[in-house]
Amino acid sequence: MTDSNIQVPDALSIQRLQAMEFVAKMRAAADRVGAGFIGGFIDPNTGEQFTMTNMDPSITPDITKLLED
């Protein structure tokens, strides 16, 4: 039995994808000049954190833990 009225929401909103792309571009710019980078954002709709870094994972295993006071 199928229901043709089922609507599946997009997994990621356009705004979230744009924010992720912006962070990725900032990281790429840092990579080009040999700079360390840690960046991210919090999705205003879901509260989810997105982070990206080019730092060695053994130095920064979970960047969000470094943000805690």
N, C-alpha and C. Protein backbone atom coordinates (compact mmCIF):
# COMPACT_ATOMS: atom_id res chain seq x y z
N MET A 1 0.84 -1.17 0.00
CA MET A 1 0.00 0.00 0.00
C MET A 1 0.89 1.24 0.00
N THR A 2 0.67 2.16 -0.90
CA THR A 2 1.46 3.38 -0.97
C THR A 2 0.55 4.59 -0.81
N ASP A 3 1.12 5.63 -0.32
CA ASP A 3 0.39 6.88 -0.14
C ASP A 3 1.08 7.94 -0.98
N SER A 4 0.42 8.41 -2.01
CA SER A 4 1.03 9.39 -2.90
C SER A 4 1.13 10.78 -2.28
N ASN A 5 0.58 10.96 -1.09
CA ASN A 5 0.62 12.27 -0.43
C ASN A 5 1.77 12.38 0.58
N ILE A 6 2.59 11.36 0.68
CA ILE A 6 3.71 11.41 1.63
C ILE A 6 4.71 12.45 1.16
N GLN A 7 5.12 13.31 2.08
CA GLN A 7 6.12 14.32 1.77
C GLN A 7 7.32 14.10 2.67
N VAL A 8 8.47 13.99 2.07
CA VAL A 8 9.70 13.81 2.82
C VAL A 8 10.46 15.13 2.79
N PRO A 9 10.71 15.71 3.95
CA PRO A 9 11.43 17.00 3.95
C PRO A 9 12.87 16.79 3.50
N ASP A 10 13.44 17.83 2.93
CA ASP A 10 14.84 17.78 2.55
C ASP A 10 15.67 17.58 3.81
N ALA A 11 16.68 16.74 3.71
CA ALA A 11 17.53 16.46 4.86
C ALA A 11 18.27 17.73 5.31
N LEU A 12 18.69 18.54 4.34
CA LEU A 12 19.40 19.77 4.66
C LEU A 12 18.75 20.93 3.91
N SER A 13 18.52 22.01 4.61
CA SER A 13 17.93 23.18 3.97
C SER A 13 18.96 23.86 3.07
N ILE A 14 18.48 24.63 2.14
CA ILE A 14 19.37 25.40 1.26
C ILE A 14 20.24 26.33 2.09
N GLN A 15 19.67 26.97 3.12
CA GLN A 15 20.45 27.89 3.94
C GLN A 15 21.57 27.16 4.67
N ARG A 16 21.28 25.96 5.17
CA ARG A 16 22.32 25.19 5.86
C ARG A 16 23.42 24.79 4.88
N LEU A 17 23.03 24.35 3.69
CA LEU A 17 24.04 23.99 2.69
C LEU A 17 24.89 25.19 2.30
N GLN A 18 24.28 26.36 2.19
CA GLN A 18 25.03 27.57 1.86
C GLN A 18 26.01 27.92 2.98
N ALA A 19 25.58 27.76 4.22
CA ALA A 19 26.46 28.05 5.36
C ALA A 19 27.63 27.05 5.38
N MET A 20 27.34 25.78 5.11
CA MET A 20 28.39 24.77 5.07
C MET A 20 29.38 25.07 3.95
N GLU A 21 28.87 25.49 2.80
CA GLU A 21 29.73 25.84 1.68
C GLU A 21 30.63 27.03 2.03
N PHE A 22 30.07 28.02 2.72
CA PHE A 22 30.86 29.19 3.11
C PHE A 22 32.00 28.79 4.05
N VAL A 23 31.72 27.94 5.03
CA VAL A 23 32.76 27.48 5.95
C VAL A 23 33.83 26.70 5.18
N ALA A 24 33.40 25.87 4.23
CA ALA A 24 34.35 25.10 3.42
C ALA A 24 35.24 26.02 2.59
N LYS A 25 34.66 27.09 2.05
CA LYS A 25 35.45 28.05 1.27
C LYS A 25 36.45 28.78 2.15
N MET A 26 36.06 29.11 3.38
CA MET A 26 37.00 29.75 4.31
C MET A 26 38.16 28.80 4.62
N ARG A 27 37.84 27.52 4.83
CA ARG A 27 38.89 26.54 5.09
C ARG A 27 39.82 26.43 3.89
N ALA A 28 39.27 26.37 2.69
CA ALA A 28 40.08 26.27 1.48
C ALA A 28 41.01 27.48 1.35
N ALA A 29 40.51 28.65 1.69
CA ALA A 29 41.34 29.86 1.63
C ALA A 29 42.49 29.76 2.64
N ALA A 30 42.19 29.27 3.84
CA ALA A 30 43.23 29.08 4.86
C ALA A 30 44.26 28.06 4.37
N ASP A 31 43.78 26.98 3.75
CA ASP A 31 44.70 25.96 3.22
C ASP A 31 45.65 26.56 2.18
N ARG A 32 45.12 27.43 1.32
CA ARG A 32 45.95 28.02 0.25
C ARG A 32 47.09 28.86 0.80
N VAL A 33 46.87 29.51 1.94
CA VAL A 33 47.93 30.35 2.50
C VAL A 33 48.66 29.68 3.66
N GLY A 34 48.35 28.42 3.91
CA GLY A 34 49.05 27.67 4.95
C GLY A 34 48.66 28.06 6.36
N ALA A 35 47.46 28.57 6.54
CA ALA A 35 47.01 28.99 7.86
C ALA A 35 46.14 27.91 8.51
N GLY A 36 46.21 27.83 9.82
CA GLY A 36 45.31 26.93 10.54
C GLY A 36 43.89 27.50 10.49
N PHE A 37 42.93 26.60 10.52
CA PHE A 37 41.54 27.05 10.43
C PHE A 37 40.64 26.21 11.32
N ILE A 38 39.80 26.89 12.07
CA ILE A 38 38.71 26.27 12.80
C ILE A 38 37.51 27.17 12.60
N GLY A 39 36.44 26.64 12.05
CA GLY A 39 35.26 27.45 11.79
C GLY A 39 33.99 26.63 11.87
N GLY A 40 32.87 27.30 11.87
CA GLY A 40 31.61 26.60 11.91
C GLY A 40 30.45 27.53 12.15
N PHE A 41 29.30 26.93 12.41
CA PHE A 41 28.10 27.70 12.69
C PHE A 41 27.11 26.80 13.42
N ILE A 42 26.10 27.43 13.99
CA ILE A 42 24.99 26.71 14.63
C ILE A 42 23.76 26.96 13.79
N ASP A 43 23.12 25.89 13.34
CA ASP A 43 21.90 26.00 12.54
C ASP A 43 20.80 26.63 13.40
N PRO A 44 20.26 27.79 13.00
CA PRO A 44 19.26 28.46 13.83
C PRO A 44 17.94 27.68 13.93
N ASN A 45 17.68 26.80 12.98
CA ASN A 45 16.43 26.04 13.01
C ASN A 45 16.51 24.78 13.86
N THR A 46 17.66 24.11 13.83
CA THR A 46 17.80 22.84 14.53
C THR A 46 18.69 22.91 15.76
N GLY A 47 19.53 23.94 15.83
CA GLY A 47 20.48 24.05 16.93
C GLY A 47 21.71 23.17 16.74
N GLU A 48 21.78 22.47 15.62
CA GLU A 48 22.93 21.60 15.36
C GLU A 48 24.17 22.43 15.06
N GLN A 49 25.31 21.94 15.54
CA GLN A 49 26.58 22.60 15.27
C GLN A 49 27.25 21.95 14.07
N PHE A 50 27.87 22.76 13.25
CA PHE A 50 28.68 22.28 12.13
C PHE A 50 30.05 22.91 12.31
N THR A 51 31.09 22.09 12.38
CA THR A 51 32.44 22.61 12.50
C THR A 51 33.33 21.97 11.45
N MET A 52 34.38 22.71 11.10
CA MET A 52 35.34 22.22 10.12
C MET A 52 36.70 22.77 10.52
N THR A 53 37.73 21.97 10.37
CA THR A 53 39.08 22.40 10.68
C THR A 53 40.08 21.74 9.75
N ASN A 54 41.22 22.37 9.61
CA ASN A 54 42.32 21.74 8.87
C ASN A 54 43.44 21.37 9.83
N MET A 55 43.14 21.42 11.11
CA MET A 55 44.12 21.10 12.14
C MET A 55 44.21 19.58 12.31
N ASP A 56 45.33 19.13 12.82
CA ASP A 56 45.57 17.71 13.06
C ASP A 56 44.55 17.19 14.08
N PRO A 57 43.80 16.13 13.73
CA PRO A 57 42.78 15.61 14.66
C PRO A 57 43.35 15.12 15.99
N SER A 58 44.63 14.76 16.01
CA SER A 58 45.21 14.33 17.29
C SER A 58 45.40 15.52 18.23
N ILE A 59 45.47 16.73 17.66
CA ILE A 59 45.59 17.94 18.47
C ILE A 59 44.21 18.45 18.86
N THR A 60 43.27 18.40 17.94
CA THR A 60 41.91 18.89 18.18
C THR A 60 40.91 17.78 17.90
N PRO A 61 40.86 16.76 18.77
CA PRO A 61 39.98 15.60 18.49
C PRO A 61 38.51 15.96 18.43
N ASP A 62 38.05 16.85 19.26
CA ASP A 62 36.65 17.29 19.22
C ASP A 62 36.64 18.76 19.56
N ILE A 63 36.60 19.56 18.52
CA ILE A 63 36.73 21.01 18.67
C ILE A 63 35.68 21.60 19.59
N THR A 64 34.51 21.00 19.62
CA THR A 64 33.44 21.57 20.46
C THR A 64 33.78 21.49 21.94
N LYS A 65 34.60 20.52 22.33
CA LYS A 65 35.01 20.42 23.74
C LYS A 65 35.93 21.58 24.14
N LEU A 66 36.65 22.11 23.16
CA LEU A 66 37.51 23.26 23.45
C LEU A 66 36.71 24.54 23.68
N LEU A 67 35.46 24.55 23.22
CA LEU A 67 34.62 25.73 23.37
C LEU A 67 33.96 25.83 24.73
N GLU A 68 33.94 24.71 25.46
CA GLU A 68 33.28 24.70 26.77
C GLU A 68 34.12 25.46 27.78
N ASP A 69 33.44 26.21 28.61
CA ASP A 69 34.13 26.96 29.68
C ASP A 69 34.29 26.11 30.91
